[in-house]
Amino acid sequence: MIIPKTREQIELMRESALIVSKTLGMLAKEIQPGVTTLDLDKKAEEFIKDHNAIPGFKGLYDFPNTLCMSPNAQVVHGVPTNKPLVNGDIISIDCGAIKNGYYGDHAYTFQVGEVDAETKKLLEITKESLYKGIEQFKLGNRVGDVAFAIQKHAEKHNYGVVRELVGHGLGTTMHEDPQMPNYGKRGRGKKFVEGMTVAIEPMINMGTRRIKQLPDGWTILTADGKPSAHFEHDVAMVEGKPKLLSTFDYVYDALGIESNEEDEFRF
């Protein structure tokens, strides 16, 4: 069942989402060769708590850490370790926070040092596919319209679109209805309604769409060992249009990137 939110509830959700956005911005300054994902995880936990929020992932379904840290061929749900990042890596950081009883859930795939052109393109196209999907999150459309837009853009570049893992509704729990897959047919699935809040999160592989899981019970890998990228925004339906609750602005400020990609969706 879809749970629409009032404008006041959406404002509270935006507070949670922006804490996650600020956490990712803080981490952007720390990511460099030699840093371990476990060290970044500890910094994120402290940062979230210092902002009077609760890490949203730690303990959720028994996940052991604050961040899902997924480098290179890891798709999502990677567990932080003491292995240092190296030049040329990419690292998907998925972060959650709870404030005022509501979740924020937001992800960005970072470059570590100098990354090769082929991998940079994967990141670029995956992020573009996120916004292609967000454009379709509007009154009168359905889940399949968002899914189709993401799939079409990614597959146009011969990338694999992960099927087994999807976006989702968001609110007082991490996973609400509806599921938001990144593949599908236009006009299919649940119809969008005013006040909906969702996490849209393309997971796109450079090669095959197929995946496998490590024995840790969490980490998802590409089946062919090629890199995967993951970007995620929290989005609300406000006056029939998609409005971002999260932002990449803090990441871009840290990295010195100028972008107007969010302008049309600002809350």
Protein backbone atom coordinates (compact mmCIF):
# COMPACT_ATOMS: atom_id res chain seq x y z
CA MET A 1 0.00 0.00 0.00
CA ILE A 2 1.33 3.42 -0.99
CA ILE A 3 1.53 5.85 1.95
CA PRO A 4 1.17 9.46 0.75
CA LYS A 5 2.76 12.13 2.96
CA THR A 6 1.49 15.55 3.97
CA ARG A 7 3.57 18.61 3.13
CA GLU A 8 4.71 18.73 6.77
CA GLN A 9 5.82 15.10 6.65
CA ILE A 10 7.67 15.73 3.40
CA GLU A 11 9.50 18.61 5.07
CA LEU A 12 10.57 16.26 7.88
CA MET A 13 11.74 13.69 5.34
CA ARG A 14 13.76 16.38 3.59
CA GLU A 15 15.62 17.04 6.87
CA SER A 16 16.61 13.37 7.02
CA ALA A 17 17.59 13.28 3.35
CA LEU A 18 19.75 16.40 3.68
CA ILE A 19 21.66 14.88 6.60
CA VAL A 20 22.55 12.01 4.29
CA SER A 21 23.48 14.49 1.55
CA LYS A 22 25.75 16.37 3.94
CA THR A 23 27.31 13.09 5.06
CA LEU A 24 28.17 12.21 1.45
CA GLY A 25 29.61 15.70 1.00
CA MET A 26 31.82 15.23 4.06
CA LEU A 27 33.00 11.87 2.75
CA ALA A 28 33.79 13.34 -0.67
CA LYS A 29 36.62 15.31 0.95
CA GLU A 30 38.03 12.15 2.58
CA ILE A 31 38.01 9.73 -0.37
CA GLN A 32 41.51 9.20 -1.72
CA PRO A 33 43.97 6.35 -2.30
CA GLY A 34 45.06 4.72 0.97
CA VAL A 35 41.85 5.40 2.89
CA THR A 36 39.90 2.37 4.10
CA THR A 37 36.16 2.01 3.76
CA LEU A 38 35.95 1.10 7.46
CA ASP A 39 37.56 4.43 8.38
CA LEU A 40 35.06 6.27 6.18
CA ASP A 41 32.25 4.31 7.80
CA LYS A 42 33.32 5.45 11.28
CA LYS A 43 33.51 9.09 10.16
CA ALA A 44 30.01 8.85 8.70
CA GLU A 45 28.54 7.38 11.88
CA GLU A 46 30.04 10.17 13.98
CA PHE A 47 28.85 12.83 11.51
CA ILE A 48 25.26 11.56 11.48
CA LYS A 49 25.10 11.38 15.26
CA ASP A 50 26.62 14.87 15.55
CA HIS A 51 23.67 16.08 13.47
CA ASN A 52 21.18 14.64 15.96
CA ALA A 53 20.21 11.75 13.71
CA ILE A 54 20.51 7.97 13.85
CA PRO A 55 22.42 5.89 11.28
CA GLY A 56 19.64 4.33 9.24
CA PHE A 57 21.43 1.22 8.02
CA LYS A 58 23.28 0.04 11.13
CA GLY A 59 21.33 -2.89 12.53
CA LEU A 60 18.69 -2.73 9.78
CA TYR A 61 18.09 -6.36 8.80
CA ASP A 62 21.23 -6.97 10.95
CA PHE A 63 23.52 -4.99 8.64
CA PRO A 64 26.71 -4.37 10.67
CA ASN A 65 27.70 -0.85 9.58
CA THR A 66 26.55 2.71 8.90
CA LEU A 67 27.42 2.72 5.19
CA CYS A 68 27.09 0.27 2.34
CA MET A 69 30.50 0.61 0.64
CA SER A 70 30.71 -1.10 -2.74
CA PRO A 71 33.91 -0.65 -4.79
CA ASN A 72 34.42 -1.52 -8.45
CA ALA A 73 32.59 -4.77 -9.32
CA GLN A 74 30.53 -4.62 -6.15
CA VAL A 75 27.03 -3.43 -7.02
CA VAL A 76 25.51 -2.65 -3.61
CA HIS A 77 25.45 -3.72 0.05
CA GLY A 78 29.22 -3.96 0.38
CA VAL A 79 30.44 -4.26 3.98
CA PRO A 80 33.22 -1.80 4.98
CA THR A 81 36.67 -3.33 5.46
CA ASN A 82 40.27 -2.42 6.33
CA LYS A 83 41.35 -2.79 2.70
CA PRO A 84 42.65 0.59 1.42
CA LEU A 85 41.18 2.19 -1.67
CA VAL A 86 43.63 2.52 -4.57
CA ASN A 87 44.01 4.93 -7.45
CA GLY A 88 41.53 4.13 -10.22
CA ASP A 89 38.89 2.58 -7.96
CA ILE A 90 35.29 3.65 -7.92
CA ILE A 91 33.24 3.35 -4.74
CA SER A 92 29.46 3.41 -4.35
CA ILE A 93 28.52 4.84 -0.96
CA ASP A 94 24.93 4.26 0.12
CA CYS A 95 23.94 6.01 3.35
CA GLY A 96 20.82 6.22 5.49
CA ALA A 97 19.79 8.43 8.40
CA ILE A 98 16.74 8.70 10.64
CA LYS A 99 15.54 12.01 12.07
CA ASN A 100 12.09 12.89 13.39
CA GLY A 101 11.12 9.28 12.75
CA TYR A 102 11.72 9.46 8.98
CA TYR A 103 14.39 7.91 6.79
CA GLY A 104 16.72 9.51 4.31
CA ASP A 105 18.41 7.10 1.86
CA HIS A 106 20.85 8.41 -0.71
CA ALA A 107 23.84 7.14 -2.74
CA TYR A 108 26.69 8.40 -4.91
CA THR A 109 29.48 6.59 -6.76
CA PHE A 110 32.82 8.33 -6.26
CA GLN A 111 36.05 8.22 -8.24
CA VAL A 112 39.26 7.45 -6.33
CA GLY A 113 42.17 9.36 -7.86
CA GLU A 114 42.41 9.02 -11.65
CA VAL A 115 39.78 6.74 -13.18
CA ASP A 116 39.88 5.41 -16.74
CA ALA A 117 37.64 6.92 -19.40
CA GLU A 118 35.47 3.82 -19.83
CA THR A 119 34.59 3.75 -16.14
CA LYS A 120 33.97 7.51 -16.06
CA LYS A 121 31.44 7.03 -18.85
CA LEU A 122 29.66 4.33 -16.83
CA LEU A 123 29.28 6.75 -13.92
CA GLU A 124 28.08 9.54 -16.20
CA ILE A 125 25.45 7.43 -17.94
CA THR A 126 24.22 5.88 -14.68
CA LYS A 127 23.70 9.33 -13.16
CA GLU A 128 21.96 10.51 -16.33
CA SER A 129 19.65 7.50 -16.12
CA LEU A 130 18.72 8.51 -12.57
CA TYR A 131 17.48 11.90 -13.78
CA LYS A 132 15.75 10.31 -16.78
CA GLY A 133 13.79 8.25 -14.26
CA ILE A 134 13.05 11.19 -11.97
CA GLU A 135 11.61 13.12 -14.94
CA GLN A 136 8.93 10.43 -15.27
CA PHE A 137 7.91 10.53 -11.60
CA LYS A 138 4.87 12.75 -12.12
CA LEU A 139 1.14 12.63 -11.64
CA GLY A 140 -0.58 10.39 -14.17
CA ASN A 141 2.46 8.19 -14.73
CA ARG A 142 3.18 4.76 -13.34
CA VAL A 143 6.13 2.82 -11.94
CA GLY A 144 6.85 1.37 -15.38
CA ASP A 145 7.36 4.84 -16.87
CA VAL A 146 10.26 5.55 -14.51
CA ALA A 147 11.64 2.05 -14.98
CA PHE A 148 11.46 2.22 -18.78
CA ALA A 149 13.24 5.59 -18.93
CA ILE A 150 16.14 4.31 -16.81
CA GLN A 151 16.45 1.04 -18.73
CA LYS A 152 16.27 2.69 -22.14
CA HIS A 153 19.06 5.17 -21.37
CA ALA A 154 21.37 2.58 -19.84
CA GLU A 155 20.84 -0.11 -22.47
CA LYS A 156 21.34 2.44 -25.26
CA HIS A 157 24.97 2.42 -24.10
CA ASN A 158 25.05 -1.41 -23.91
CA TYR A 159 25.12 -1.50 -20.12
CA GLY A 160 23.46 -4.14 -17.96
CA VAL A 161 20.52 -3.06 -15.80
CA VAL A 162 20.33 -5.02 -12.54
CA ARG A 163 16.93 -6.71 -12.13
CA GLU A 164 17.10 -8.29 -8.67
CA LEU A 165 17.58 -5.03 -6.73
CA VAL A 166 15.22 -2.07 -6.97
CA GLY A 167 14.34 1.33 -5.58
CA HIS A 168 11.42 1.69 -3.18
CA GLY A 169 8.98 3.85 -1.32
CA LEU A 170 10.40 5.63 1.72
CA GLY A 171 9.02 7.04 4.95
CA THR A 172 8.94 5.94 8.58
CA THR A 173 10.39 2.65 7.36
CA MET A 174 13.25 2.18 4.92
CA HIS A 175 11.24 0.14 2.45
CA GLU A 176 7.65 1.10 1.66
CA ASP A 177 5.48 0.43 -1.37
CA PRO A 178 5.91 0.67 -4.24
CA GLN A 179 8.99 -1.15 -5.45
CA MET A 180 10.75 1.01 -8.06
CA PRO A 181 12.61 -1.26 -10.51
CA ASN A 182 15.06 0.12 -13.06
CA TYR A 183 13.59 -1.90 -15.92
CA GLY A 184 10.07 -2.28 -17.20
CA LYS A 185 7.36 -1.18 -19.63
CA ARG A 186 5.68 2.19 -19.93
CA GLY A 187 2.19 2.40 -18.51
CA ARG A 188 2.62 -0.62 -16.23
CA GLY A 189 2.68 -0.86 -12.45
CA LYS A 190 1.23 1.24 -9.67
CA LYS A 191 0.00 4.73 -10.48
CA PHE A 192 1.74 7.67 -8.85
CA VAL A 193 -0.24 9.84 -6.42
CA GLU A 194 0.28 13.21 -4.79
CA GLY A 195 2.46 13.05 -1.67
CA MET A 196 4.32 9.88 -2.65
CA THR A 197 7.92 9.64 -1.50
CA VAL A 198 10.33 7.23 -3.17
CA ALA A 199 14.00 6.37 -3.50
CA ILE A 200 14.98 6.03 -7.16
CA GLU A 201 18.32 4.25 -7.55
CA PRO A 202 19.69 2.89 -10.83
CA MET A 203 22.27 0.10 -10.43
CA ILE A 204 24.00 -0.21 -13.79
CA ASN A 205 26.75 -2.64 -14.80
CA MET A 206 29.41 -2.09 -17.45
CA GLY A 207 28.87 -5.64 -18.67
CA THR A 208 26.25 -8.26 -17.90
CA ARG A 209 23.19 -7.39 -15.84
CA ARG A 210 23.69 -10.61 -13.91
CA ILE A 211 24.91 -10.57 -10.32
CA LYS A 212 26.09 -12.88 -7.54
CA GLN A 213 26.40 -12.63 -3.76
CA LEU A 214 29.43 -13.10 -1.53
CA PRO A 215 29.32 -15.58 1.39
CA ASP A 216 29.02 -12.62 3.82
CA GLY A 217 25.31 -12.61 2.92
CA TRP A 218 25.41 -8.94 1.92
CA THR A 219 27.83 -7.97 -0.83
CA ILE A 220 26.42 -8.11 -4.36
CA LEU A 221 28.89 -8.40 -7.26
CA THR A 222 28.62 -8.29 -11.03
CA ALA A 223 28.76 -11.84 -12.39
CA ASP A 224 31.50 -10.93 -14.90
CA GLY A 225 33.67 -8.87 -12.55
CA LYS A 226 33.19 -5.63 -14.50
CA PRO A 227 32.48 -2.34 -12.66
CA SER A 228 29.04 -1.26 -11.51
CA ALA A 229 27.71 2.21 -10.67
CA HIS A 230 24.92 3.30 -8.32
CA PHE A 231 23.28 6.69 -7.77
CA GLU A 232 20.20 7.39 -5.65
CA HIS A 233 17.90 10.31 -4.82
CA ASP A 234 14.92 10.67 -2.51
CA VAL A 235 12.02 12.23 -4.40
CA ALA A 236 8.56 13.51 -3.39
CA MET A 237 5.50 14.11 -5.53
CA VAL A 238 4.62 17.76 -4.87
CA GLU A 239 1.83 19.41 -6.87
CA GLY A 240 2.09 16.60 -9.37
CA LYS A 241 5.80 16.99 -10.06
CA PRO A 242 9.03 15.36 -8.79
CA LYS A 243 10.87 17.34 -6.13
CA LEU A 244 14.23 16.26 -4.74
CA LEU A 245 14.52 15.78 -0.98
CA SER A 246 18.20 14.87 -1.32
CA THR A 247 20.93 16.70 -3.22
CA PHE A 248 24.38 16.11 -4.66
CA ASP A 249 25.25 19.79 -4.03
CA TYR A 250 27.40 19.00 -0.98
CA VAL A 251 29.38 16.42 -2.96
CA TYR A 252 29.86 18.84 -5.82
CA ASP A 253 30.96 21.64 -3.48
CA ALA A 254 33.58 19.31 -1.99
CA LEU A 255 34.82 18.19 -5.40
CA GLY A 256 34.67 21.57 -7.12
CA ILE A 257 32.06 20.45 -9.64
CA GLU A 258 29.56 22.86 -11.19
CA SER A 259 26.22 21.37 -12.18
CA ASN A 260 22.66 22.48 -12.92
CA GLU A 261 21.28 18.93 -13.20
CA GLU A 262 19.03 19.33 -10.14
CA ASP A 263 17.57 22.75 -10.98
CA GLU A 264 14.35 21.51 -12.51
CA PHE A 265 13.62 19.27 -9.51
CA ARG A 266 14.51 21.53 -6.57
CA PHE A 267 12.06 21.43 -3.68
